[in-house]
Amino acid sequence: MATRLICVLSICAVSAALVACGSSSTSSSTVSSAESVSTSAPTDPETTGTKTEAVVSAEGKKVFAANCAQCHTLKAAGSNGNVGPNLDQSSPDEARVKAQVTNGGNGMPAFIDVLTDAQIDAVSAYVAGSAGQ
C-alpha cells in the first residue's frame, strides 16, 4: 500500500512539474526577458560602446512622434503638424535642432526639462538627417 501511495505521489509531482513548465507564466517571463534583451541598444563594432546610427535614428523617430509631430511637418515621420515650422522646408542642421529643442523660442516650448540629453541628441540627429528627404 505504501509503495502504491509513493508511486501515485511521484506521478502527481512529475505531472505538476510538466504542467508548470508549459504554463503561461513561465512563457511570459521568457518573453519579457527576450524583450528586454532585444530592446538593448546594439553597439557599433568599430566604435565599441556607441549606439549604431540605426538605433539612434529609431530612438529619434520615437521621440519626434511623441513630442514634435503634433506641431511639425516631417515627411519621414509621417507628420503633418502646422503649428510650428515645416521641417522639410526649413531643413535645419543638427546643432540648430538641438538648440531649439533644448531652449525653445519663437512659440516653441523648451524640452530641456522634458527630454533627457540622449533623447534631445537622438531627435536632433533624426530631424537633421530626415528633413527635406
C-alpha atoms as a PDB file:
ATOM      1  CA  MET A   1       0.000   0.000   0.000  1.00  0.00           C
ATOM      2  CA  ALA A   2       2.802   2.437   0.898  1.00  0.00           C
ATOM      3  CA  THR A   3       4.556   1.648  -2.388  1.00  0.00           C
ATOM      4  CA  ARG A   4       1.391   2.399  -4.328  1.00  0.00           C
ATOM      5  CA  LEU A   5       0.967   5.759  -2.474  1.00  0.00           C
ATOM      6  CA  ILE A   6       4.581   6.747  -3.193  1.00  0.00           C
ATOM      7  CA  CYS A   7       4.108   5.841  -6.848  1.00  0.00           C
ATOM      8  CA  VAL A   8       0.898   7.927  -7.135  1.00  0.00           C
ATOM      9  CA  LEU A   9       2.529  10.895  -5.378  1.00  0.00           C
ATOM     10  CA  SER A  10       5.554  10.637  -7.662  1.00  0.00           C
ATOM     11  CA  ILE A  11       3.356  10.640 -10.760  1.00  0.00           C
ATOM     12  CA  CYS A  12       1.454  13.663  -9.434  1.00  0.00           C
ATOM     13  CA  ALA A  13       4.684  15.533  -8.720  1.00  0.00           C
ATOM     14  CA  VAL A  14       6.082  14.813 -12.190  1.00  0.00           C
ATOM     15  CA  SER A  15       2.781  15.829 -13.817  1.00  0.00           C
ATOM     16  CA  ALA A  16       2.676  19.086 -11.845  1.00  0.00           C
ATOM     17  CA  ALA A  17       6.256  19.878 -12.861  1.00  0.00           C
ATOM     18  CA  LEU A  18       5.483  19.247 -16.532  1.00  0.00           C
ATOM     19  CA  VAL A  19       2.358  21.405 -16.407  1.00  0.00           C
ATOM     20  CA  ALA A  20       4.316  24.220 -14.726  1.00  0.00           C
ATOM     21  CA  CYS A  21       6.941  24.117 -17.477  1.00  0.00           C
ATOM     22  CA  GLY A  22       4.324  24.858 -20.105  1.00  0.00           C
ATOM     23  CA  SER A  23       2.321  27.410 -18.132  1.00  0.00           C
ATOM     24  CA  SER A  24       1.781  30.924 -19.440  1.00  0.00           C
ATOM     25  CA  SER A  25       3.604  32.498 -16.509  1.00  0.00           C
ATOM     26  CA  THR A  26       6.812  30.754 -17.490  1.00  0.00           C
ATOM     27  CA  SER A  27       6.485  31.708 -21.134  1.00  0.00           C
ATOM     28  CA  SER A  28       5.610  35.283 -20.155  1.00  0.00           C
ATOM     29  CA  SER A  29       8.825  35.672 -18.234  1.00  0.00           C
ATOM     30  CA  THR A  30      10.695  34.239 -21.203  1.00  0.00           C
ATOM     31  CA  VAL A  31       9.086  36.807 -23.492  1.00  0.00           C
ATOM     32  CA  SER A  32       9.876  39.589 -21.038  1.00  0.00           C
ATOM     33  CA  SER A  33      13.496  38.514 -20.906  1.00  0.00           C
ATOM     34  CA  ALA A  34      13.668  38.340 -24.682  1.00  0.00           C
ATOM     35  CA  GLU A  35      12.052  41.760 -24.993  1.00  0.00           C
ATOM     36  CA  SER A  36      14.485  43.347 -22.576  1.00  0.00           C
ATOM     37  CA  VAL A  37      17.375  41.801 -24.449  1.00  0.00           C
ATOM     38  CA  SER A  38      16.064  42.899 -27.835  1.00  0.00           C
ATOM     39  CA  THR A  39      15.485  46.494 -26.688  1.00  0.00           C
ATOM     40  CA  SER A  40      19.038  46.924 -25.506  1.00  0.00           C
ATOM     41  CA  ALA A  41      20.930  49.066 -27.945  1.00  0.00           C
ATOM     42  CA  PRO A  42      23.277  47.280 -30.318  1.00  0.00           C
ATOM     43  CA  THR A  43      26.737  48.708 -30.491  1.00  0.00           C
ATOM     44  CA  ASP A  44      28.835  49.536 -33.476  1.00  0.00           C
ATOM     45  CA  PRO A  45      31.750  47.069 -33.608  1.00  0.00           C
ATOM     46  CA  GLU A  46      34.051  49.796 -34.959  1.00  0.00           C
ATOM     47  CA  THR A  47      33.363  52.150 -32.033  1.00  0.00           C
ATOM     48  CA  THR A  48      32.630  49.829 -29.126  1.00  0.00           C
ATOM     49  CA  GLY A  49      30.090  51.157 -26.680  1.00  0.00           C
ATOM     50  CA  THR A  50      28.385  53.632 -29.022  1.00  0.00           C
ATOM     51  CA  LYS A  51      24.922  53.132 -30.425  1.00  0.00           C
ATOM     52  CA  THR A  52      24.603  52.420 -34.101  1.00  0.00           C
ATOM     53  CA  GLU A  53      23.186  55.059 -36.414  1.00  0.00           C
ATOM     54  CA  ALA A  54      20.074  52.944 -36.998  1.00  0.00           C
ATOM     55  CA  VAL A  55      19.364  52.737 -33.265  1.00  0.00           C
ATOM     56  CA  VAL A  56      19.819  56.488 -32.792  1.00  0.00           C
ATOM     57  CA  SER A  57      17.531  57.121 -35.754  1.00  0.00           C
ATOM     58  CA  ALA A  58      14.856  54.800 -34.355  1.00  0.00           C
ATOM     59  CA  GLU A  59      15.083  56.473 -30.948  1.00  0.00           C
ATOM     60  CA  GLY A  60      14.932  59.911 -32.573  1.00  0.00           C
ATOM     61  CA  LYS A  61      11.862  58.918 -34.562  1.00  0.00           C
ATOM     62  CA  LYS A  62      10.111  57.736 -31.371  1.00  0.00           C
ATOM     63  CA  VAL A  63      10.957  60.966 -29.553  1.00  0.00           C
ATOM     64  CA  PHE A  64       9.771  63.003 -32.541  1.00  0.00           C
ATOM     65  CA  ALA A  65       6.482  61.095 -32.770  1.00  0.00           C
ATOM     66  CA  ALA A  66       5.779  61.564 -29.071  1.00  0.00           C
ATOM     67  CA  ASN A  67       6.838  65.202 -28.714  1.00  0.00           C
ATOM     68  CA  CYS A  68       7.110  67.012 -32.050  1.00  0.00           C
ATOM     69  CA  ALA A  69       4.807  65.508 -34.668  1.00  0.00           C
ATOM     70  CA  GLN A  70       1.745  67.307 -33.342  1.00  0.00           C
ATOM     71  CA  CYS A  71       3.214  70.684 -34.333  1.00  0.00           C
ATOM     72  CA  HIS A  72       5.714  69.995 -37.131  1.00  0.00           C
ATOM     73  CA  THR A  73       5.552  68.534 -40.609  1.00  0.00           C
ATOM     74  CA  LEU A  74       8.261  65.970 -41.321  1.00  0.00           C
ATOM     75  CA  LYS A  75       7.606  63.561 -44.170  1.00  0.00           C
ATOM     76  CA  ALA A  76       9.995  60.897 -42.825  1.00  0.00           C
ATOM     77  CA  ALA A  77       7.949  60.757 -39.606  1.00  0.00           C
ATOM     78  CA  GLY A  78       4.619  60.896 -41.405  1.00  0.00           C
ATOM     79  CA  SER A  79       3.661  64.061 -39.512  1.00  0.00           C
ATOM     80  CA  ASN A  80       1.644  66.971 -40.842  1.00  0.00           C
ATOM     81  CA  GLY A  81       1.571  69.417 -37.937  1.00  0.00           C
ATOM     82  CA  ASN A  82       1.090  73.043 -38.908  1.00  0.00           C
ATOM     83  CA  VAL A  83       1.688  74.934 -35.661  1.00  0.00           C
ATOM     84  CA  GLY A  84       5.481  75.019 -35.945  1.00  0.00           C
ATOM     85  CA  PRO A  85       7.703  75.266 -38.997  1.00  0.00           C
ATOM     86  CA  ASN A  86       7.609  72.625 -41.720  1.00  0.00           C
ATOM     87  CA  LEU A  87      10.928  70.892 -41.047  1.00  0.00           C
ATOM     88  CA  ASP A  88      11.147  69.520 -44.595  1.00  0.00           C
ATOM     89  CA  GLN A  89      11.131  73.084 -45.904  1.00  0.00           C
ATOM     90  CA  SER A  90      13.477  74.587 -43.317  1.00  0.00           C
ATOM     91  CA  SER A  91      15.893  71.595 -43.266  1.00  0.00           C
ATOM     92  CA  PRO A  92      17.655  72.620 -40.041  1.00  0.00           C
ATOM     93  CA  ASP A  93      21.064  71.219 -39.203  1.00  0.00           C
ATOM     94  CA  GLU A  94      21.604  69.129 -36.074  1.00  0.00           C
ATOM     95  CA  ALA A  95      23.018  71.997 -33.975  1.00  0.00           C
ATOM     96  CA  ARG A  96      20.011  74.197 -34.795  1.00  0.00           C
ATOM     97  CA  VAL A  97      17.527  71.451 -33.895  1.00  0.00           C
ATOM     98  CA  LYS A  98      19.350  70.703 -30.656  1.00  0.00           C
ATOM     99  CA  ALA A  99      19.377  74.370 -29.612  1.00  0.00           C
ATOM    100  CA  GLN A 100      15.683  74.811 -30.468  1.00  0.00           C
ATOM    101  CA  VAL A 101      14.574  71.617 -28.718  1.00  0.00           C
ATOM    102  CA  THR A 102      16.681  72.401 -25.656  1.00  0.00           C
ATOM    103  CA  ASN A 103      15.851  76.097 -25.260  1.00  0.00           C
ATOM    104  CA  GLY A 104      12.609  76.583 -27.185  1.00  0.00           C
ATOM    105  CA  GLY A 105      11.735  80.010 -28.562  1.00  0.00           C
ATOM    106  CA  ASN A 106       9.564  81.552 -31.272  1.00  0.00           C
ATOM    107  CA  GLY A 107       6.492  79.924 -29.767  1.00  0.00           C
ATOM    108  CA  MET A 108       8.082  76.529 -29.183  1.00  0.00           C
ATOM    109  CA  PRO A 109       8.457  75.326 -25.588  1.00  0.00           C
ATOM    110  CA  ALA A 110      11.824  74.248 -24.232  1.00  0.00           C
ATOM    111  CA  PHE A 111      12.209  70.497 -23.762  1.00  0.00           C
ATOM    112  CA  ILE A 112      15.282  70.620 -21.519  1.00  0.00           C
ATOM    113  CA  ASP A 113      13.196  69.560 -18.525  1.00  0.00           C
ATOM    114  CA  VAL A 114      11.090  67.085 -20.507  1.00  0.00           C
ATOM    115  CA  LEU A 115      13.628  65.069 -22.521  1.00  0.00           C
ATOM    116  CA  THR A 116      16.942  63.568 -21.491  1.00  0.00           C
ATOM    117  CA  ASP A 117      20.156  64.712 -23.167  1.00  0.00           C
ATOM    118  CA  ALA A 118      20.244  61.412 -25.055  1.00  0.00           C
ATOM    119  CA  GLN A 119      16.686  61.948 -26.320  1.00  0.00           C
ATOM    120  CA  ILE A 120      17.496  65.501 -27.414  1.00  0.00           C
ATOM    121  CA  ASP A 121      20.603  64.233 -29.232  1.00  0.00           C
ATOM    122  CA  ALA A 122      18.610  61.438 -30.883  1.00  0.00           C
ATOM    123  CA  VAL A 123      15.751  63.655 -32.071  1.00  0.00           C
ATOM    124  CA  SER A 124      18.199  66.313 -33.276  1.00  0.00           C
ATOM    125  CA  ALA A 125      20.131  63.774 -35.344  1.00  0.00           C
ATOM    126  CA  TYR A 126      16.882  62.270 -36.646  1.00  0.00           C
ATOM    127  CA  VAL A 127      15.373  65.594 -37.745  1.00  0.00           C
ATOM    128  CA  ALA A 128      18.602  66.873 -39.302  1.00  0.00           C
ATOM    129  CA  GLY A 129      19.089  63.583 -41.150  1.00  0.00           C
ATOM    130  CA  SER A 130      15.458  63.282 -42.267  1.00  0.00           C
ATOM    131  CA  ALA A 131      14.315  66.822 -43.061  1.00  0.00           C
ATOM    132  CA  GLY A 132      13.902  67.527 -46.742  1.00  0.00           C
ATOM    133  CA  GLN A 133      14.316  63.881 -47.742  1.00  0.00           C
END
